[in-house]
Amino acid sequence: MKSKFILFIACLALLLTLQAKVIVPLVYEVAASSFFLEDSGDEGSRISSTSLMTEAAFTQCNSYIANEELPDDSISFSKKAINSFGLGNFRYIINADITIQPTDSAAISRRYVCRIQYKNGDDTTGLSDPENWSVDGISGIDGTGDF
């Protein structure tokens, strides 16, 4: 019985050592390698900026809201986005104001956030085609702020 316990402790120590000295460094090496790196040529930015792509993303978010989220309400959008962030890999965050006029109540002003991605990479010929965009989430038009 005593030898089984000692064998158990020795195997446990060997397993922990193997994990700490072999497995974890290997996982760190793979994670740091270019295996998971997607280099699309579109760099992200932490600073809000306006570009051809962010303006097109703003237009597509507004179109999506008007046609998919609030098709029965009268809505008006701000002329330009409050903040537009390029996240890299042709993904964008758009923050803007919207005024919603439901058919049965008073107008409501909201500030929304839209996550959107352009599917055609750096080919800008299809910016106005909604099929080239994917809306990943809208927040704020219902007043909850949830994606």
Protein backbone atom coordinates (compact mmCIF):
# COMPACT_ATOMS: atom_id res chain seq x y z
CA MET A 1 0.00 0.00 0.00
CA LYS A 2 2.81 2.38 0.88
CA SER A 3 4.58 1.71 -2.43
CA LYS A 4 1.39 2.53 -4.41
CA PHE A 5 1.14 5.87 -2.64
CA ILE A 6 4.79 6.68 -3.37
CA LEU A 7 4.30 5.63 -7.00
CA PHE A 8 1.20 7.87 -7.21
CA ILE A 9 3.12 10.87 -5.83
CA ALA A 10 6.06 10.22 -8.20
CA CYS A 11 3.74 9.98 -11.23
CA LEU A 12 1.92 13.15 -10.17
CA ALA A 13 5.23 15.01 -9.79
CA LEU A 14 6.36 13.73 -13.19
CA LEU A 15 3.09 14.84 -14.79
CA LEU A 16 3.31 18.33 -13.27
CA THR A 17 6.95 18.69 -14.33
CA LEU A 18 6.14 17.53 -17.87
CA GLN A 19 3.31 20.04 -18.08
CA ALA A 20 5.36 22.94 -16.71
CA LYS A 21 8.57 22.25 -18.66
CA VAL A 22 7.24 20.88 -21.98
CA ILE A 23 3.53 21.41 -22.60
CA VAL A 24 3.11 25.03 -21.46
CA PRO A 25 6.22 26.35 -23.30
CA LEU A 26 5.07 24.51 -26.45
CA VAL A 27 1.62 26.11 -26.21
CA TYR A 28 3.17 29.57 -25.75
CA GLU A 29 5.43 29.01 -28.74
CA VAL A 30 2.52 27.99 -30.99
CA ALA A 31 0.37 30.91 -29.79
CA ALA A 32 3.17 33.39 -30.50
CA SER A 33 3.88 31.98 -33.94
CA SER A 34 2.36 33.17 -37.19
CA PHE A 35 0.04 30.15 -37.22
CA PHE A 36 -2.82 32.21 -35.77
CA LEU A 37 -1.84 35.50 -37.40
CA GLU A 38 -4.16 36.74 -40.11
CA ASP A 39 -2.39 39.44 -42.08
CA SER A 40 -4.96 41.15 -44.27
CA GLY A 41 -3.03 44.38 -44.72
CA ASP A 42 -5.75 46.35 -42.92
CA GLU A 43 -4.32 47.63 -39.66
CA GLY A 44 -6.51 48.46 -36.68
CA SER A 45 -6.45 51.72 -34.76
CA ARG A 46 -7.39 52.78 -31.26
CA ILE A 47 -8.14 56.27 -32.51
CA SER A 48 -11.46 57.17 -34.08
CA SER A 49 -10.94 58.12 -37.70
CA THR A 50 -12.87 58.74 -40.87
CA SER A 51 -11.93 57.01 -44.10
CA LEU A 52 -13.60 55.69 -47.22
CA MET A 53 -14.10 52.34 -45.45
CA THR A 54 -15.53 53.75 -42.21
CA GLU A 55 -17.92 55.99 -44.15
CA ALA A 56 -19.09 52.98 -46.16
CA ALA A 57 -19.45 50.98 -42.94
CA PHE A 58 -21.56 53.81 -41.46
CA THR A 59 -23.81 53.80 -44.54
CA GLN A 60 -24.20 50.02 -44.44
CA CYS A 61 -25.01 50.02 -40.70
CA ASN A 62 -27.70 52.65 -41.29
CA SER A 63 -29.12 50.65 -44.18
CA TYR A 64 -29.17 47.48 -42.08
CA ILE A 65 -30.97 49.23 -39.22
CA ALA A 66 -33.54 50.79 -41.57
CA ASN A 67 -34.25 47.57 -43.47
CA GLU A 68 -33.73 44.79 -40.91
CA GLU A 69 -34.05 46.17 -37.38
CA LEU A 70 -36.67 48.93 -37.67
CA PRO A 71 -38.49 48.48 -40.98
CA ASP A 72 -41.86 49.65 -39.60
CA ASP A 73 -40.64 52.85 -37.92
CA SER A 74 -39.75 56.22 -39.38
CA ILE A 75 -36.09 56.85 -38.63
CA SER A 76 -33.50 59.52 -39.26
CA PHE A 77 -29.77 59.14 -38.89
CA SER A 78 -27.07 61.64 -38.07
CA LYS A 79 -25.13 62.98 -41.06
CA LYS A 80 -21.92 61.32 -39.90
CA ALA A 81 -20.75 58.90 -37.26
CA ILE A 82 -19.71 60.15 -33.84
CA ASN A 83 -16.88 57.60 -33.70
CA SER A 84 -15.58 55.18 -36.32
CA PHE A 85 -12.94 52.63 -35.44
CA GLY A 86 -11.11 50.35 -37.82
CA LEU A 87 -10.34 47.19 -35.85
CA GLY A 88 -8.18 45.64 -38.55
CA ASN A 89 -8.97 42.82 -40.96
CA PHE A 90 -11.70 45.05 -42.46
CA ARG A 91 -13.76 45.07 -39.25
CA TYR A 92 -15.26 48.32 -37.99
CA ILE A 93 -17.10 49.76 -35.01
CA ILE A 94 -19.47 52.62 -35.81
CA ASN A 95 -21.06 54.81 -33.14
CA ALA A 96 -23.77 57.27 -34.19
CA ASP A 97 -27.09 58.87 -33.25
CA ILE A 98 -30.49 57.82 -34.53
CA THR A 99 -33.98 59.26 -34.06
CA ILE A 100 -36.73 56.64 -34.08
CA GLN A 101 -40.37 57.61 -34.65
CA PRO A 102 -42.54 54.57 -33.86
CA THR A 103 -45.99 54.57 -35.45
CA ASP A 104 -47.77 54.68 -32.07
CA SER A 105 -45.60 56.87 -29.82
CA ALA A 106 -43.28 59.86 -29.57
CA ALA A 107 -39.88 60.07 -31.22
CA ILE A 108 -36.92 58.61 -29.35
CA SER A 109 -33.28 59.60 -29.77
CA ARG A 110 -30.74 56.85 -29.28
CA ARG A 111 -27.02 56.36 -29.71
CA TYR A 112 -26.17 53.07 -31.35
CA VAL A 113 -23.06 50.99 -31.89
CA CYS A 114 -22.67 48.76 -34.93
CA ARG A 115 -20.03 46.07 -35.46
CA ILE A 116 -19.57 45.35 -39.15
CA GLN A 117 -17.10 43.60 -41.44
CA TYR A 118 -16.33 44.10 -45.11
CA LYS A 119 -15.96 40.72 -46.84
CA ASN A 120 -14.07 41.76 -50.01
CA GLY A 121 -10.76 42.80 -48.44
CA ASP A 122 -9.12 45.79 -50.07
CA ASP A 123 -11.35 45.64 -53.18
CA THR A 124 -13.32 48.89 -52.80
CA THR A 125 -15.48 48.45 -55.90
CA GLY A 126 -18.27 46.75 -53.92
CA LEU A 127 -18.53 49.10 -50.94
CA SER A 128 -22.14 50.04 -51.71
CA ASP A 129 -23.34 46.42 -52.06
CA PRO A 130 -24.89 45.14 -48.80
CA GLU A 131 -23.97 41.58 -49.79
CA ASN A 132 -20.31 42.48 -49.26
CA TRP A 133 -20.89 43.45 -45.64
CA SER A 134 -21.66 41.41 -42.55
CA VAL A 135 -23.26 43.09 -39.54
CA ASP A 136 -21.97 41.31 -36.45
CA GLY A 137 -24.05 43.23 -33.92
CA ILE A 138 -26.14 46.32 -33.22
CA SER A 139 -26.47 47.81 -29.77
CA GLY A 140 -28.45 50.74 -28.41
CA ILE A 141 -31.43 51.10 -30.76
CA ASP A 142 -33.72 49.30 -28.32
CA GLY A 143 -32.36 51.20 -25.34
CA THR A 144 -30.69 48.22 -23.67
CA GLY A 145 -27.13 48.62 -24.90
CA ASP A 146 -26.68 44.86 -25.39
CA PHE A 147 -25.15 43.18 -28.43
